[in-house]
Amino acid sequence: GVLSKAKQQHSLFGGYDKSNGYRFNTQFENTKLLYQGNFQIDDANEIIAAAGYTENEFGANGFYAAPGDRNSTEKVQTTLASIQSKHILSTRWTLLPRLSYRYNFDDYRYFGNVNPNAGVSKHATNSFAAEVTSTYKTNTGELGFGAEVRSENINSSNIGNHRRENAGFYTQYRTSFFERLDINAGAYINYNSSYKWQIYPGIDASYAIGNALKLIGSLGTSQRIPSFTDLYLNQRPGNIGNPDVQPENAFQSEAGFKFLERNFAFNSSFFYRNIDKFIDWTRLVATEPFQANNVGTMVTRGINFRSNYHLALHDQSNFNFSLAYSYLDSKFKNMAQVLASKYQLSALKHQVTNTVDFKYHHFSVLLATRFNQRITGPSYWINDFRLSQSINKFTIY
């Protein structure tokens, strides 16, 4: 529901889904609740508050320990809350502070085929974050800068109790000084209590050729910090963490174009990504558990295409068609010798997605298909079909 007044708006959403699943022990029961409030103090100051809760309970057949987890179950509860404000300090300067909190509880029960009570895995995590961002408009573009701090902890039956802090500072400058050329350059400086200081620069640009065609390009660097699971998991005989795992460091680049002409859009790009200290779960001996390790370098080259066509049949009827294709060629360099790996052979190679959406007055039909082929294993199709009818403020689907 929505409640709107002159200087404040409130919205509350609730949802409940239940299904018996598409195969044995894949049933689920989901509950969602979300609130958002906007408070306009005056023309220059605004406060936005949000809170949410989700609870998902489902059968976990084949999720983590196939084929022995046929009867396993899992329950996940998540609570989110945030408050932020926007302050227009002048015609050039805007300030946006934000506070947020996230709590997650995960209860996984492994009911094996041989040992019905083989394992219970419970995790409770808390994450607190505070950030301030600001923008300043200059005569030639816009300068952005900000800072954030985050504290996270975990209390787990098979990971233990751990805590870490993270701080980051960023600055970026976007200019449209040139008539057809837009440039956005910046850097992010990160401090982690476990891995200390790192800096990650990046730049992207676009150049318009006429009104319909635009060339795009980007260069950037990034990092993935090991999760608590990567570091400390103790789930013998299946998996164990490794406290010596180091963060992944990545360099990525992309070049392509975008075309938009009335009701037709098409874009394509070539991309390159190099991940150093790639984290994988591996083992040398079949009788040992899988363990997280930095196993080498993963290099991915790929290309993607995406097109969309929109046709308005009349005022209350329209047709949308979209088609996309991605090709990824992943190579592994300087890899450690392993007997088995969880991720090296599961990388995606080909993906095709297609959606057809037709709307007539308050009635709609949606057909979505997806094709996936990985480096190893059989390819597969996923097809979704949805009918919906809106009646006043209700939608039946």
Protein backbone atom coordinates (compact mmCIF):
# COMPACT_ATOMS: atom_id res chain seq x y z
CA GLY A 1 0.00 0.00 0.00
CA VAL A 2 1.02 3.64 -0.51
CA LEU A 3 0.25 6.68 1.66
CA SER A 4 1.17 10.01 0.12
CA LYS A 5 0.97 13.47 1.63
CA ALA A 6 2.38 16.85 0.68
CA LYS A 7 5.82 16.36 2.22
CA GLN A 8 5.99 12.64 2.96
CA GLN A 9 5.32 9.36 1.20
CA HIS A 10 5.10 5.90 2.74
CA SER A 11 4.95 2.55 0.95
CA LEU A 12 4.52 -0.91 2.45
CA PHE A 13 4.85 -4.14 0.48
CA GLY A 14 4.27 -7.70 1.61
CA GLY A 15 4.55 -10.95 -0.32
CA TYR A 16 4.13 -14.65 0.25
CA ASP A 17 5.06 -17.48 -2.15
CA LYS A 18 4.71 -21.21 -1.71
CA SER A 19 5.42 -24.10 -4.08
CA ASN A 20 5.91 -27.85 -3.95
CA GLY A 21 8.94 -27.53 -6.29
CA TYR A 22 9.78 -29.06 -9.64
CA ARG A 23 11.33 -32.24 -8.20
CA PHE A 24 11.64 -34.08 -4.89
CA ASN A 25 12.50 -31.83 -1.91
CA THR A 26 12.72 -28.55 -3.82
CA GLN A 27 9.60 -27.05 -2.25
CA PHE A 28 9.83 -23.51 -0.88
CA GLU A 29 7.95 -21.02 1.27
CA ASN A 30 8.96 -17.33 1.05
CA THR A 31 7.78 -14.31 3.03
CA LYS A 32 8.76 -10.71 2.20
CA LEU A 33 8.04 -7.39 3.91
CA LEU A 34 9.38 -3.99 2.80
CA TYR A 35 8.80 -0.41 4.00
CA GLN A 36 10.08 2.82 2.48
CA GLY A 37 9.44 6.37 3.64
CA ASN A 38 10.35 9.70 2.06
CA PHE A 39 10.30 12.90 4.11
CA GLN A 40 10.73 16.23 2.34
CA ILE A 41 11.96 18.64 5.02
CA ASP A 42 12.21 21.56 2.60
CA ASP A 43 13.30 22.19 -0.97
CA ALA A 44 16.95 21.46 -0.12
CA ASN A 45 16.72 18.65 2.44
CA GLU A 46 15.21 15.16 2.20
CA ILE A 47 15.29 12.01 4.36
CA ILE A 48 14.71 8.46 3.04
CA ALA A 49 14.21 5.52 5.39
CA ALA A 50 13.82 1.85 4.47
CA ALA A 51 13.44 -1.46 6.28
CA GLY A 52 12.87 -4.99 5.04
CA TYR A 53 12.56 -8.58 6.15
CA THR A 54 12.64 -11.83 4.18
CA GLU A 55 12.29 -15.43 5.28
CA ASN A 56 12.96 -18.26 2.84
CA GLU A 57 12.50 -21.90 3.81
CA PHE A 58 13.17 -24.55 1.19
CA GLY A 59 14.21 -28.08 0.38
CA ALA A 60 17.92 -28.20 -0.52
CA ASN A 61 18.08 -31.38 -2.61
CA GLY A 62 21.24 -31.16 -4.73
CA PHE A 63 22.19 -27.66 -3.53
CA TYR A 64 25.52 -28.23 -1.78
CA ALA A 65 26.40 -31.91 -1.30
CA ALA A 66 24.83 -33.88 -4.14
CA PRO A 67 24.01 -36.69 -4.44
CA GLY A 68 23.96 -37.38 -0.71
CA ASP A 69 21.77 -34.44 0.37
CA ARG A 70 18.45 -35.61 -1.04
CA ASN A 71 16.52 -34.80 2.16
CA SER A 72 18.40 -31.66 3.27
CA THR A 73 16.66 -28.39 4.15
CA GLU A 74 17.62 -24.74 4.61
CA LYS A 75 16.08 -21.64 6.18
CA VAL A 76 17.37 -18.10 5.59
CA GLN A 77 16.21 -14.97 7.41
CA THR A 78 17.41 -11.49 6.43
CA THR A 79 16.71 -8.08 8.01
CA LEU A 80 17.72 -4.80 6.35
CA ALA A 81 17.47 -1.20 7.54
CA SER A 82 18.84 2.06 6.21
CA ILE A 83 18.42 5.79 6.57
CA GLN A 84 19.89 8.38 4.24
CA SER A 85 19.47 12.04 3.53
CA LYS A 86 20.07 14.44 0.68
CA HIS A 87 21.18 18.01 1.22
CA ILE A 88 21.47 20.55 -1.58
CA LEU A 89 24.02 22.92 -0.08
CA SER A 90 24.22 25.17 -3.15
CA THR A 91 23.52 25.13 -6.85
CA ARG A 92 26.83 23.27 -7.26
CA TRP A 93 27.24 21.15 -4.13
CA THR A 94 25.15 18.17 -2.94
CA LEU A 95 25.79 16.00 0.15
CA LEU A 96 24.38 12.48 0.76
CA PRO A 97 25.10 10.70 4.10
CA ARG A 98 23.81 7.15 4.70
CA LEU A 99 23.65 4.57 7.53
CA SER A 100 22.73 0.91 6.95
CA TYR A 101 22.48 -2.41 8.78
CA ARG A 102 22.08 -5.99 7.58
CA TYR A 103 21.45 -9.14 9.62
CA ASN A 104 21.37 -12.61 8.09
CA PHE A 105 20.69 -15.99 9.69
CA ASP A 106 21.20 -19.23 7.75
CA ASP A 107 20.20 -22.64 9.13
CA TYR A 108 21.18 -25.58 6.89
CA ARG A 109 20.34 -29.16 7.88
CA TYR A 110 22.10 -31.98 6.06
CA PHE A 111 20.01 -35.15 6.17
CA GLY A 112 22.15 -37.66 4.32
CA ASN A 113 21.11 -40.88 2.66
CA VAL A 114 23.37 -42.94 4.95
CA ASN A 115 23.54 -40.82 8.11
CA PRO A 116 20.20 -38.99 8.57
CA ASN A 117 21.72 -36.47 11.00
CA ALA A 118 25.14 -35.91 9.45
CA GLY A 119 25.38 -32.15 9.88
CA VAL A 120 23.86 -28.87 11.07
CA SER A 121 25.26 -25.56 9.81
CA LYS A 122 24.13 -22.26 11.37
CA HIS A 123 25.49 -18.80 10.56
CA ALA A 124 24.51 -15.40 11.94
CA THR A 125 26.12 -12.32 10.36
CA ASN A 126 25.86 -8.61 11.12
CA SER A 127 27.04 -5.77 8.91
CA PHE A 128 27.05 -2.06 9.83
CA ALA A 129 27.97 0.63 7.30
CA ALA A 130 28.23 4.41 7.23
CA GLU A 131 29.05 6.47 4.17
CA VAL A 132 29.08 10.04 2.93
CA THR A 133 29.08 10.94 -0.75
CA SER A 134 29.19 14.36 -2.32
CA THR A 135 29.06 15.90 -5.77
CA TYR A 136 30.31 19.29 -6.89
CA LYS A 137 29.45 20.73 -10.29
CA THR A 138 32.20 22.61 -12.07
CA ASN A 139 32.13 24.59 -15.29
CA THR A 140 33.45 21.57 -17.22
CA GLY A 141 31.84 18.59 -15.45
CA GLU A 142 31.07 17.05 -12.08
CA LEU A 143 33.42 16.05 -9.26
CA GLY A 144 32.37 13.24 -6.92
CA PHE A 145 34.06 12.14 -3.72
CA GLY A 146 33.18 10.23 -0.59
CA ALA A 147 34.13 7.86 2.20
CA GLU A 148 32.65 4.73 3.76
CA VAL A 149 33.32 2.46 6.74
CA ARG A 150 31.92 -1.03 7.29
CA SER A 151 32.13 -3.50 10.17
CA GLU A 152 31.05 -7.11 9.76
CA ASN A 153 31.05 -10.13 12.05
CA ILE A 154 29.97 -13.75 11.94
CA ASN A 155 28.92 -16.25 14.61
CA SER A 156 28.84 -19.71 13.03
CA SER A 157 28.70 -23.34 14.06
CA ASN A 158 31.37 -24.34 11.51
CA ILE A 159 33.15 -21.07 10.72
CA GLY A 160 33.56 -19.70 14.25
CA ASN A 161 33.38 -16.14 15.54
CA HIS A 162 35.20 -13.52 13.46
CA ARG A 163 35.13 -9.79 12.86
CA ARG A 164 36.75 -7.37 10.40
CA GLU A 165 36.56 -3.72 9.40
CA ASN A 166 36.79 -2.02 6.03
CA ALA A 167 37.20 1.63 5.03
CA GLY A 168 37.17 3.20 1.61
CA PHE A 169 37.69 6.58 -0.02
CA TYR A 170 36.86 7.44 -3.60
CA THR A 171 37.00 10.31 -6.01
CA GLN A 172 35.83 10.60 -9.61
CA TYR A 173 35.47 13.29 -12.22
CA ARG A 174 33.01 13.22 -15.09
CA THR A 175 33.27 15.72 -17.88
CA SER A 176 31.12 16.48 -20.90
CA PHE A 177 33.21 19.51 -21.84
CA PHE A 178 33.76 18.10 -25.32
CA GLU A 179 30.70 18.15 -27.54
CA ARG A 180 30.49 14.42 -28.30
CA LEU A 181 32.97 12.93 -25.82
CA ASP A 182 32.11 11.98 -22.21
CA ILE A 183 34.91 10.90 -19.86
CA ASN A 184 34.61 9.53 -16.31
CA ALA A 185 37.83 8.85 -14.37
CA GLY A 186 38.34 7.98 -10.74
CA ALA A 187 40.00 5.88 -8.07
CA TYR A 188 38.98 3.94 -4.97
CA ILE A 189 41.35 3.64 -2.00
CA ASN A 190 40.52 0.73 0.29
CA TYR A 191 41.71 -0.24 3.77
CA ASN A 192 40.86 -3.63 5.26
CA SER A 193 41.84 -4.66 8.79
CA SER A 194 43.22 -7.94 7.41
CA TYR A 195 44.76 -6.83 4.09
CA LYS A 196 45.68 -3.15 4.71
CA TRP A 197 45.80 -0.53 1.91
CA GLN A 198 44.97 -0.95 -1.79
CA ILE A 199 44.14 1.50 -4.59
CA TYR A 200 41.96 0.79 -7.64
CA PRO A 201 41.84 3.35 -10.50
CA GLY A 202 39.45 3.25 -13.45
CA ILE A 203 38.28 5.22 -16.48
CA ASP A 204 35.44 4.96 -18.98
CA ALA A 205 34.53 7.05 -21.99
CA SER A 206 31.93 7.31 -24.74
CA TYR A 207 31.94 9.10 -28.08
CA ALA A 208 28.75 9.90 -30.01
CA ILE A 209 28.80 9.41 -33.78
CA GLY A 210 25.63 11.08 -34.91
CA ASN A 211 22.41 10.78 -32.91
CA ALA A 212 22.00 7.00 -33.01
CA LEU A 213 25.49 5.51 -32.61
CA LYS A 214 27.84 5.74 -29.63
CA LEU A 215 31.27 4.16 -29.10
CA ILE A 216 32.13 3.06 -25.55
CA GLY A 217 35.26 1.92 -23.75
CA SER A 218 36.51 1.36 -20.21
CA LEU A 219 39.55 0.29 -18.17
CA GLY A 220 39.35 -0.64 -14.50
CA THR A 221 40.76 -2.53 -11.55
CA SER A 222 39.01 -4.23 -8.64
CA GLN A 223 39.43 -6.62 -5.74
CA ARG A 224 37.49 -9.51 -4.17
CA ILE A 225 38.22 -10.00 -0.49
CA PRO A 226 37.96 -13.63 0.69
CA SER A 227 34.73 -14.40 2.49
CA PHE A 228 34.58 -15.79 6.02
CA THR A 229 33.71 -19.13 4.37
CA ASP A 230 36.87 -19.02 2.22
CA LEU A 231 38.98 -18.33 5.29
CA TYR A 232 37.56 -20.28 8.20
CA LEU A 233 35.06 -22.96 7.13
CA ASN A 234 35.44 -26.25 9.01
CA GLN A 235 33.03 -28.70 7.42
CA ARG A 236 35.02 -31.91 7.27
CA PRO A 237 35.08 -34.23 5.46
CA GLY A 238 33.66 -32.06 2.66
CA ASN A 239 35.20 -28.56 2.77
CA ILE A 240 37.67 -26.54 4.84
CA GLY A 241 38.74 -22.91 4.65
CA ASN A 242 42.23 -21.49 4.46
CA PRO A 243 43.22 -18.48 6.64
CA ASP A 244 46.19 -17.80 4.33
CA VAL A 245 44.04 -17.05 1.26
CA GLN A 246 44.77 -13.61 -0.23
CA PRO A 247 42.35 -11.25 -2.06
CA GLU A 248 41.78 -11.63 -5.79
CA ASN A 249 42.97 -8.66 -7.88
CA ALA A 250 41.38 -8.03 -11.25
CA PHE A 251 41.99 -5.87 -14.30
CA GLN A 252 39.21 -5.49 -16.83
CA SER A 253 38.72 -3.63 -20.11
CA GLU A 254 35.82 -3.30 -22.52
CA ALA A 255 35.22 -1.73 -25.93
CA GLY A 256 32.06 -1.66 -27.99
CA PHE A 257 29.18 0.39 -29.34
CA LYS A 258 25.52 1.21 -28.68
CA PHE A 259 22.93 1.88 -31.37
CA LEU A 260 19.48 3.35 -30.64
CA GLU A 261 17.03 4.31 -33.36
CA ARG A 262 13.41 4.92 -32.41
CA ASN A 263 12.02 1.54 -31.25
CA PHE A 264 15.11 -0.57 -31.96
CA ALA A 265 18.27 -0.86 -29.83
CA PHE A 266 21.41 -2.91 -30.38
CA ASN A 267 24.71 -2.98 -28.52
CA SER A 268 27.81 -5.11 -28.63
CA SER A 269 31.13 -5.16 -26.80
CA PHE A 270 34.35 -7.10 -26.45
CA PHE A 271 35.73 -7.51 -22.93
CA TYR A 272 38.89 -8.77 -21.26
CA ARG A 273 39.32 -9.70 -17.59
CA ASN A 274 42.44 -10.89 -15.79
CA ILE A 275 42.01 -12.20 -12.23
CA ASP A 276 45.24 -12.71 -10.30
CA LYS A 277 45.30 -14.97 -7.21
CA PHE A 278 42.07 -16.61 -8.35
CA ILE A 279 40.30 -18.29 -5.40
CA ASP A 280 39.11 -21.85 -6.02
CA TRP A 281 38.19 -24.87 -3.93
CA THR A 282 40.61 -27.66 -4.79
CA ARG A 283 42.16 -30.88 -3.51
CA LEU A 284 45.17 -33.04 -4.39
CA VAL A 285 43.87 -36.37 -3.08
CA ALA A 286 40.34 -37.71 -3.53
CA THR A 287 40.10 -38.64 0.15
CA GLU A 288 40.92 -35.08 1.32
CA PRO A 289 38.36 -32.27 1.76
CA PHE A 290 38.18 -29.42 -0.73
CA GLN A 291 40.09 -26.35 0.49
CA ALA A 292 40.07 -22.69 -0.58
CA ASN A 293 43.32 -21.67 -2.28
CA ASN A 294 44.81 -18.98 -4.52
CA VAL A 295 45.43 -21.22 -7.50
CA GLY A 296 46.79 -18.90 -10.19
CA THR A 297 45.50 -16.51 -12.85
CA MET A 298 42.19 -16.66 -14.71
CA VAL A 299 42.01 -14.79 -18.03
CA THR A 300 38.63 -14.34 -19.71
CA ARG A 301 37.99 -12.87 -23.15
CA GLY A 302 34.48 -12.55 -24.43
CA ILE A 303 31.96 -10.81 -26.61
CA ASN A 304 28.30 -10.05 -26.12
CA PHE A 305 25.42 -8.86 -28.26
CA ARG A 306 22.08 -7.52 -27.09
CA SER A 307 19.11 -6.29 -29.09
CA ASN A 308 15.65 -5.03 -28.20
CA TYR A 309 12.63 -4.19 -30.34
CA HIS A 310 9.57 -2.35 -29.05
CA LEU A 311 6.32 -2.05 -30.98
CA ALA A 312 3.35 -0.02 -29.76
CA LEU A 313 0.28 -1.57 -31.36
CA HIS A 314 -2.01 1.13 -29.94
CA ASP A 315 -2.41 3.16 -26.74
CA GLN A 316 -2.97 0.17 -24.43
CA SER A 317 -1.18 -2.59 -26.29
CA ASN A 318 2.53 -3.17 -26.94
CA PHE A 319 5.00 -5.87 -27.89
CA ASN A 320 8.63 -6.23 -26.71
CA PHE A 321 11.23 -8.64 -28.05
CA SER A 322 14.80 -8.98 -26.75
CA LEU A 323 17.63 -11.32 -27.68
CA ALA A 324 21.14 -11.53 -26.20
CA TYR A 325 24.18 -13.73 -26.67
CA SER A 326 27.45 -13.97 -24.69
CA TYR A 327 30.59 -15.93 -25.45
CA LEU A 328 33.34 -16.35 -22.84
CA ASP A 329 36.74 -17.92 -23.40
CA SER A 330 38.37 -18.58 -20.02
CA LYS A 331 41.97 -19.71 -19.72
CA PHE A 332 43.92 -20.54 -16.58
CA LYS A 333 47.61 -19.64 -16.24
CA ASN A 334 50.23 -20.58 -13.66
CA MET A 335 47.71 -22.88 -12.03
CA ALA A 336 48.74 -25.08 -9.13
CA GLN A 337 48.58 -28.83 -9.74
CA VAL A 338 45.26 -30.14 -8.43
CA LEU A 339 43.26 -33.33 -8.71
CA ALA A 340 39.86 -31.68 -8.59
CA SER A 341 38.49 -28.12 -8.76
CA LYS A 342 35.03 -26.75 -8.04
CA TYR A 343 35.13 -23.64 -10.25
CA GLN A 344 37.73 -24.02 -13.02
CA LEU A 345 35.55 -26.37 -15.07
CA SER A 346 32.19 -24.74 -14.26
CA ALA A 347 32.88 -21.41 -15.99
CA LEU A 348 30.22 -20.32 -18.48
CA LYS A 349 31.12 -20.52 -22.19
CA HIS A 350 27.92 -19.77 -24.15
CA GLN A 351 24.71 -18.08 -23.02
CA VAL A 352 21.63 -17.09 -25.02
CA THR A 353 18.69 -15.24 -23.46
CA ASN A 354 15.42 -14.28 -25.10
CA THR A 355 12.23 -12.64 -23.83
CA VAL A 356 8.93 -11.97 -25.58
CA ASP A 357 6.49 -9.71 -23.76
CA PHE A 358 3.00 -8.83 -24.99
CA LYS A 359 0.55 -6.55 -23.18
CA TYR A 360 -3.06 -5.87 -24.09
CA HIS A 361 -4.93 -3.51 -21.76
CA HIS A 362 -4.57 -5.18 -18.32
CA PHE A 363 -3.58 -8.60 -19.65
CA SER A 364 0.05 -9.61 -20.27
CA VAL A 365 1.99 -12.63 -21.52
CA LEU A 366 5.71 -13.15 -20.90
CA LEU A 367 7.90 -15.90 -22.36
CA ALA A 368 11.56 -16.07 -21.29
CA THR A 369 14.14 -18.64 -22.39
CA ARG A 370 17.79 -19.10 -21.46
CA PHE A 371 20.45 -21.44 -22.84
CA ASN A 372 23.66 -22.15 -20.88
CA GLN A 373 26.72 -24.15 -21.84
CA ARG A 374 29.70 -24.40 -19.48
CA ILE A 375 33.27 -25.57 -20.11
CA THR A 376 32.27 -29.07 -19.02
CA GLY A 377 28.96 -30.78 -18.48
CA PRO A 378 25.81 -30.87 -20.58
CA SER A 379 24.16 -27.72 -21.92
CA TYR A 380 20.62 -26.91 -20.82
CA TRP A 381 17.60 -24.70 -21.51
CA ILE A 382 15.47 -22.88 -18.92
CA ASN A 383 12.02 -21.70 -20.04
CA ASP A 384 9.62 -19.47 -18.09
CA PHE A 385 6.05 -18.62 -19.02
CA ARG A 386 3.80 -16.15 -17.21
CA LEU A 387 0.23 -14.92 -17.68
CA SER A 388 -1.13 -12.04 -15.61
CA GLN A 389 -4.35 -10.07 -15.38
CA SER A 390 -4.73 -6.81 -13.45
CA ILE A 391 -8.09 -6.02 -11.89
CA ASN A 392 -8.23 -2.62 -10.21
CA LYS A 393 -5.38 -2.70 -7.66
CA PHE A 394 -4.87 -6.47 -7.80
CA THR A 395 -2.84 -8.61 -10.19
CA ILE A 396 -3.52 -12.32 -10.71
CA TYR A 397 -0.77 -14.41 -12.31
